Amino acid sequence: MNEKVGALNCMHDQQAVMTGGGYEMSERSTVRRLTPLECERLQGFPDGWTDIGEWTDTKGKNHAPADTPRYKALGNSIATPFWFFLLRRISAQYERPATLGSLFDGIGGFPYCWVRCNGTKSVLWASEIEEFPIAVTKKHFGDEDSGEEGDIGKYL
């Protein structure tokens, strides 16, 4: 019986695959990647949070639905369970209604946690520079410029 566990090791042009009791390098084999839905769940977002369909950037250019911007946005996001726990504890200490403004917010992780603690009107603004995260935030929290309401209520 082999008492050692093999280490995962792969070169930049190959992928590691598990075979039998260890890992083996193979150019013909592939590793199953996480889906965007699984990434949303790992980060603590509701299912479909980044699945916004066709979207328009701030310059008016239309974009078709794609997984690549979803992966990028989720990879640059926060893990919401910890922040929800922390913001719930902080919010409990306030003696008056608390509000939030979020700088470089990404896909709305901090506002999502804050709204769960303090209600839908407690987020005053969020700021972001990347186009896809801006579209995700507008979908869920609305767009003040156009007067559109977001759909955050269905996630609470």
C-alpha atoms as a PDB file:
ATOM      1  CA  MET A   1       0.000   0.000   0.000  1.00  0.00           C
ATOM      2  CA  ASN A   2       1.340   3.410  -0.971  1.00  0.00           C
ATOM      3  CA  GLU A   3       1.334   5.740   2.055  1.00  0.00           C
ATOM      4  CA  LYS A   4       2.321   8.860   0.079  1.00  0.00           C
ATOM      5  CA  VAL A   5       0.025  11.349  -1.567  1.00  0.00           C
ATOM      6  CA  GLY A   6       1.151  12.667  -4.922  1.00  0.00           C
ATOM      7  CA  ALA A   7       1.575  16.401  -5.433  1.00  0.00           C
ATOM      8  CA  LEU A   8      -0.308  18.250  -8.123  1.00  0.00           C
ATOM      9  CA  ASN A   9       2.244  19.428 -10.632  1.00  0.00           C
ATOM     10  CA  CYS A  10       1.728  20.595 -14.169  1.00  0.00           C
ATOM     11  CA  MET A  11       3.597  22.502 -16.821  1.00  0.00           C
ATOM     12  CA  HIS A  12       2.155  25.638 -18.391  1.00  0.00           C
ATOM     13  CA  ASP A  13       1.135  23.803 -21.555  1.00  0.00           C
ATOM     14  CA  GLN A  14      -0.381  20.728 -19.892  1.00  0.00           C
ATOM     15  CA  GLN A  15      -3.192  20.031 -17.460  1.00  0.00           C
ATOM     16  CA  ALA A  16      -3.160  17.763 -14.460  1.00  0.00           C
ATOM     17  CA  VAL A  17      -5.649  14.943 -14.246  1.00  0.00           C
ATOM     18  CA  MET A  18      -6.306  12.514 -11.456  1.00  0.00           C
ATOM     19  CA  THR A  19      -5.876   8.857 -12.321  1.00  0.00           C
ATOM     20  CA  GLY A  20      -6.050   6.099  -9.797  1.00  0.00           C
ATOM     21  CA  GLY A  21      -4.280   7.157  -6.632  1.00  0.00           C
ATOM     22  CA  GLY A  22      -2.382  10.150  -7.956  1.00  0.00           C
ATOM     23  CA  TYR A  23      -2.064  12.753 -10.631  1.00  0.00           C
ATOM     24  CA  GLU A  24      -0.764  12.103 -14.092  1.00  0.00           C
ATOM     25  CA  MET A  25       0.117  14.570 -16.819  1.00  0.00           C
ATOM     26  CA  SER A  26      -1.595  14.070 -20.119  1.00  0.00           C
ATOM     27  CA  GLU A  27      -1.972  16.200 -23.210  1.00  0.00           C
ATOM     28  CA  ARG A  28      -5.196  14.398 -24.206  1.00  0.00           C
ATOM     29  CA  SER A  29      -7.021  14.717 -20.876  1.00  0.00           C
ATOM     30  CA  THR A  30      -8.800  17.736 -19.490  1.00  0.00           C
ATOM     31  CA  VAL A  31      -9.918  18.928 -16.097  1.00  0.00           C
ATOM     32  CA  ARG A  32     -13.502  19.969 -15.575  1.00  0.00           C
ATOM     33  CA  ARG A  33     -13.641  23.678 -14.874  1.00  0.00           C
ATOM     34  CA  LEU A  34     -16.077  25.309 -12.506  1.00  0.00           C
ATOM     35  CA  THR A  35     -19.113  26.869 -14.141  1.00  0.00           C
ATOM     36  CA  PRO A  36     -19.970  30.535 -13.482  1.00  0.00           C
ATOM     37  CA  LEU A  37     -22.918  29.319 -11.382  1.00  0.00           C
ATOM     38  CA  GLU A  38     -20.562  27.275  -9.194  1.00  0.00           C
ATOM     39  CA  CYS A  39     -18.257  30.287  -8.860  1.00  0.00           C
ATOM     40  CA  GLU A  40     -21.213  32.440  -7.771  1.00  0.00           C
ATOM     41  CA  ARG A  41     -22.113  29.879  -5.139  1.00  0.00           C
ATOM     42  CA  LEU A  42     -18.506  29.668  -3.886  1.00  0.00           C
ATOM     43  CA  GLN A  43     -18.416  33.449  -3.502  1.00  0.00           C
ATOM     44  CA  GLY A  44     -21.781  33.433  -1.710  1.00  0.00           C
ATOM     45  CA  PHE A  45     -23.758  35.267  -4.383  1.00  0.00           C
ATOM     46  CA  PRO A  46     -27.266  34.148  -5.341  1.00  0.00           C
ATOM     47  CA  ASP A  47     -27.586  31.855  -8.344  1.00  0.00           C
ATOM     48  CA  GLY A  48     -27.478  33.831 -11.586  1.00  0.00           C
ATOM     49  CA  TRP A  49     -26.065  37.024 -10.017  1.00  0.00           C
ATOM     50  CA  THR A  50     -23.711  37.625 -12.963  1.00  0.00           C
ATOM     51  CA  ASP A  51     -25.999  36.067 -15.583  1.00  0.00           C
ATOM     52  CA  ILE A  52     -27.395  39.369 -16.872  1.00  0.00           C
ATOM     53  CA  GLY A  53     -27.966  38.380 -20.508  1.00  0.00           C
ATOM     54  CA  GLU A  54     -27.289  40.990 -23.165  1.00  0.00           C
ATOM     55  CA  TRP A  55     -25.922  44.182 -21.683  1.00  0.00           C
ATOM     56  CA  THR A  56     -24.905  47.652 -22.762  1.00  0.00           C
ATOM     57  CA  ASP A  57     -21.723  49.338 -21.561  1.00  0.00           C
ATOM     58  CA  THR A  58     -21.408  53.000 -20.557  1.00  0.00           C
ATOM     59  CA  LYS A  59     -20.462  53.961 -24.119  1.00  0.00           C
ATOM     60  CA  GLY A  60     -23.652  52.424 -25.526  1.00  0.00           C
ATOM     61  CA  LYS A  61     -22.026  49.312 -27.026  1.00  0.00           C
ATOM     62  CA  ASN A  62     -24.131  46.143 -26.821  1.00  0.00           C
ATOM     63  CA  HIS A  63     -22.564  42.891 -25.624  1.00  0.00           C
ATOM     64  CA  ALA A  64     -23.833  39.339 -26.018  1.00  0.00           C
ATOM     65  CA  PRO A  65     -23.991  37.060 -22.970  1.00  0.00           C
ATOM     66  CA  ALA A  66     -20.641  35.353 -22.331  1.00  0.00           C
ATOM     67  CA  ASP A  67     -18.972  33.414 -19.519  1.00  0.00           C
ATOM     68  CA  THR A  68     -15.579  35.152 -19.755  1.00  0.00           C
ATOM     69  CA  PRO A  69     -16.632  38.458 -18.149  1.00  0.00           C
ATOM     70  CA  ARG A  70     -18.541  36.503 -15.510  1.00  0.00           C
ATOM     71  CA  TYR A  71     -15.434  34.506 -14.566  1.00  0.00           C
ATOM     72  CA  LYS A  72     -13.309  37.662 -14.459  1.00  0.00           C
ATOM     73  CA  ALA A  73     -15.821  39.580 -12.341  1.00  0.00           C
ATOM     74  CA  LEU A  74     -16.284  36.697  -9.898  1.00  0.00           C
ATOM     75  CA  GLY A  75     -12.539  36.165  -9.629  1.00  0.00           C
ATOM     76  CA  ASN A  76     -12.101  39.818  -8.696  1.00  0.00           C
ATOM     77  CA  SER A  77     -15.017  39.839  -6.265  1.00  0.00           C
ATOM     78  CA  ILE A  78     -15.355  39.283  -2.539  1.00  0.00           C
ATOM     79  CA  ALA A  79     -16.555  36.197  -0.705  1.00  0.00           C
ATOM     80  CA  THR A  80     -19.852  37.513   0.664  1.00  0.00           C
ATOM     81  CA  PRO A  81     -20.482  35.192   3.675  1.00  0.00           C
ATOM     82  CA  PHE A  82     -17.666  36.707   5.728  1.00  0.00           C
ATOM     83  CA  TRP A  83     -18.603  40.274   4.826  1.00  0.00           C
ATOM     84  CA  PHE A  84     -22.270  39.648   5.586  1.00  0.00           C
ATOM     85  CA  PHE A  85     -21.293  38.363   9.024  1.00  0.00           C
ATOM     86  CA  LEU A  86     -19.022  41.358   9.674  1.00  0.00           C
ATOM     87  CA  LEU A  87     -21.440  43.990   8.337  1.00  0.00           C
ATOM     88  CA  ARG A  88     -24.296  42.483  10.349  1.00  0.00           C
ATOM     89  CA  ARG A  89     -22.203  42.859  13.513  1.00  0.00           C
ATOM     90  CA  ILE A  90     -21.184  46.426  12.626  1.00  0.00           C
ATOM     91  CA  SER A  91     -24.733  47.428  11.658  1.00  0.00           C
ATOM     92  CA  ALA A  92     -26.061  46.178  14.996  1.00  0.00           C
ATOM     93  CA  GLN A  93     -23.958  48.844  16.758  1.00  0.00           C
ATOM     94  CA  TYR A  94     -25.495  51.815  14.945  1.00  0.00           C
ATOM     95  CA  GLU A  95     -28.036  53.881  16.882  1.00  0.00           C
ATOM     96  CA  ARG A  96     -29.503  55.391  13.699  1.00  0.00           C
ATOM     97  CA  PRO A  97     -30.197  54.072  10.192  1.00  0.00           C
ATOM     98  CA  ALA A  98     -26.915  53.303   8.438  1.00  0.00           C
ATOM     99  CA  THR A  99     -26.093  53.919   4.774  1.00  0.00           C
ATOM    100  CA  LEU A 100     -23.315  52.758   2.461  1.00  0.00           C
ATOM    101  CA  GLY A 101     -21.310  54.218  -0.383  1.00  0.00           C
ATOM    102  CA  SER A 102     -18.998  51.690  -2.011  1.00  0.00           C
ATOM    103  CA  LEU A 103     -15.880  52.621  -3.995  1.00  0.00           C
ATOM    104  CA  PHE A 104     -14.547  50.179  -6.648  1.00  0.00           C
ATOM    105  CA  ASP A 105     -17.328  47.806  -5.838  1.00  0.00           C
ATOM    106  CA  GLY A 106     -17.091  45.211  -8.610  1.00  0.00           C
ATOM    107  CA  ILE A 107     -20.311  43.216  -9.024  1.00  0.00           C
ATOM    108  CA  GLY A 108     -22.027  44.623  -5.945  1.00  0.00           C
ATOM    109  CA  GLY A 109     -20.728  42.346  -3.187  1.00  0.00           C
ATOM    110  CA  PHE A 110     -20.614  44.988  -0.459  1.00  0.00           C
ATOM    111  CA  PRO A 111     -23.987  46.553  -1.371  1.00  0.00           C
ATOM    112  CA  TYR A 112     -25.516  43.057  -1.544  1.00  0.00           C
ATOM    113  CA  CYS A 113     -24.334  42.295   2.008  1.00  0.00           C
ATOM    114  CA  TRP A 114     -25.241  45.769   3.264  1.00  0.00           C
ATOM    115  CA  VAL A 115     -28.791  45.617   1.878  1.00  0.00           C
ATOM    116  CA  ARG A 116     -29.309  42.253   3.568  1.00  0.00           C
ATOM    117  CA  CYS A 117     -28.400  43.933   6.880  1.00  0.00           C
ATOM    118  CA  ASN A 118     -29.958  47.382   6.488  1.00  0.00           C
ATOM    119  CA  GLY A 119     -32.694  47.309   3.830  1.00  0.00           C
ATOM    120  CA  THR A 120     -32.968  48.142   0.145  1.00  0.00           C
ATOM    121  CA  LYS A 121     -32.753  51.942   0.449  1.00  0.00           C
ATOM    122  CA  SER A 122     -29.602  51.907   2.594  1.00  0.00           C
ATOM    123  CA  VAL A 123     -27.086  51.808  -0.292  1.00  0.00           C
ATOM    124  CA  LEU A 124     -26.571  55.348  -1.563  1.00  0.00           C
ATOM    125  CA  TRP A 125     -24.043  54.713  -4.326  1.00  0.00           C
ATOM    126  CA  ALA A 126     -21.505  52.273  -5.724  1.00  0.00           C
ATOM    127  CA  SER A 127     -18.560  53.026  -7.976  1.00  0.00           C
ATOM    128  CA  GLU A 128     -16.683  50.821 -10.449  1.00  0.00           C
ATOM    129  CA  ILE A 129     -14.459  51.279 -13.515  1.00  0.00           C
ATOM    130  CA  GLU A 130     -14.893  47.922 -15.301  1.00  0.00           C
ATOM    131  CA  GLU A 131     -17.804  47.769 -17.753  1.00  0.00           C
ATOM    132  CA  PHE A 132     -19.258  44.328 -16.971  1.00  0.00           C
ATOM    133  CA  PRO A 133     -19.335  44.825 -13.184  1.00  0.00           C
ATOM    134  CA  ILE A 134     -21.052  48.192 -13.750  1.00  0.00           C
ATOM    135  CA  ALA A 135     -23.752  46.403 -15.777  1.00  0.00           C
ATOM    136  CA  VAL A 136     -24.200  43.735 -13.068  1.00  0.00           C
ATOM    137  CA  THR A 137     -24.526  46.386 -10.346  1.00  0.00           C
ATOM    138  CA  LYS A 138     -27.021  48.407 -12.405  1.00  0.00           C
ATOM    139  CA  LYS A 139     -29.124  45.284 -13.010  1.00  0.00           C
ATOM    140  CA  HIS A 140     -29.402  44.508  -9.317  1.00  0.00           C
ATOM    141  CA  PHE A 141     -29.388  47.953  -7.710  1.00  0.00           C
ATOM    142  CA  GLY A 142     -30.846  50.098 -10.474  1.00  0.00           C
ATOM    143  CA  ASP A 143     -29.495  53.019 -12.441  1.00  0.00           C
ATOM    144  CA  GLU A 144     -29.956  56.419 -10.814  1.00  0.00           C
ATOM    145  CA  ASP A 145     -29.314  58.248 -14.106  1.00  0.00           C
ATOM    146  CA  SER A 146     -32.132  56.492 -15.953  1.00  0.00           C
ATOM    147  CA  GLY A 147     -34.454  56.101 -12.977  1.00  0.00           C
ATOM    148  CA  GLU A 148     -34.496  52.294 -13.360  1.00  0.00           C
ATOM    149  CA  GLU A 149     -35.129  50.197 -10.271  1.00  0.00           C
ATOM    150  CA  GLY A 150     -32.912  47.162  -9.707  1.00  0.00           C
ATOM    151  CA  ASP A 151     -34.056  43.644  -8.855  1.00  0.00           C
ATOM    152  CA  ILE A 152     -32.224  43.289  -5.525  1.00  0.00           C
ATOM    153  CA  GLY A 153     -35.539  42.609  -3.766  1.00  0.00           C
ATOM    154  CA  LYS A 154     -35.890  39.192  -5.385  1.00  0.00           C
ATOM    155  CA  TYR A 155     -32.546  38.108  -3.900  1.00  0.00           C
ATOM    156  CA  LEU A 156     -33.303  39.059  -0.313  1.00  0.00           C
END
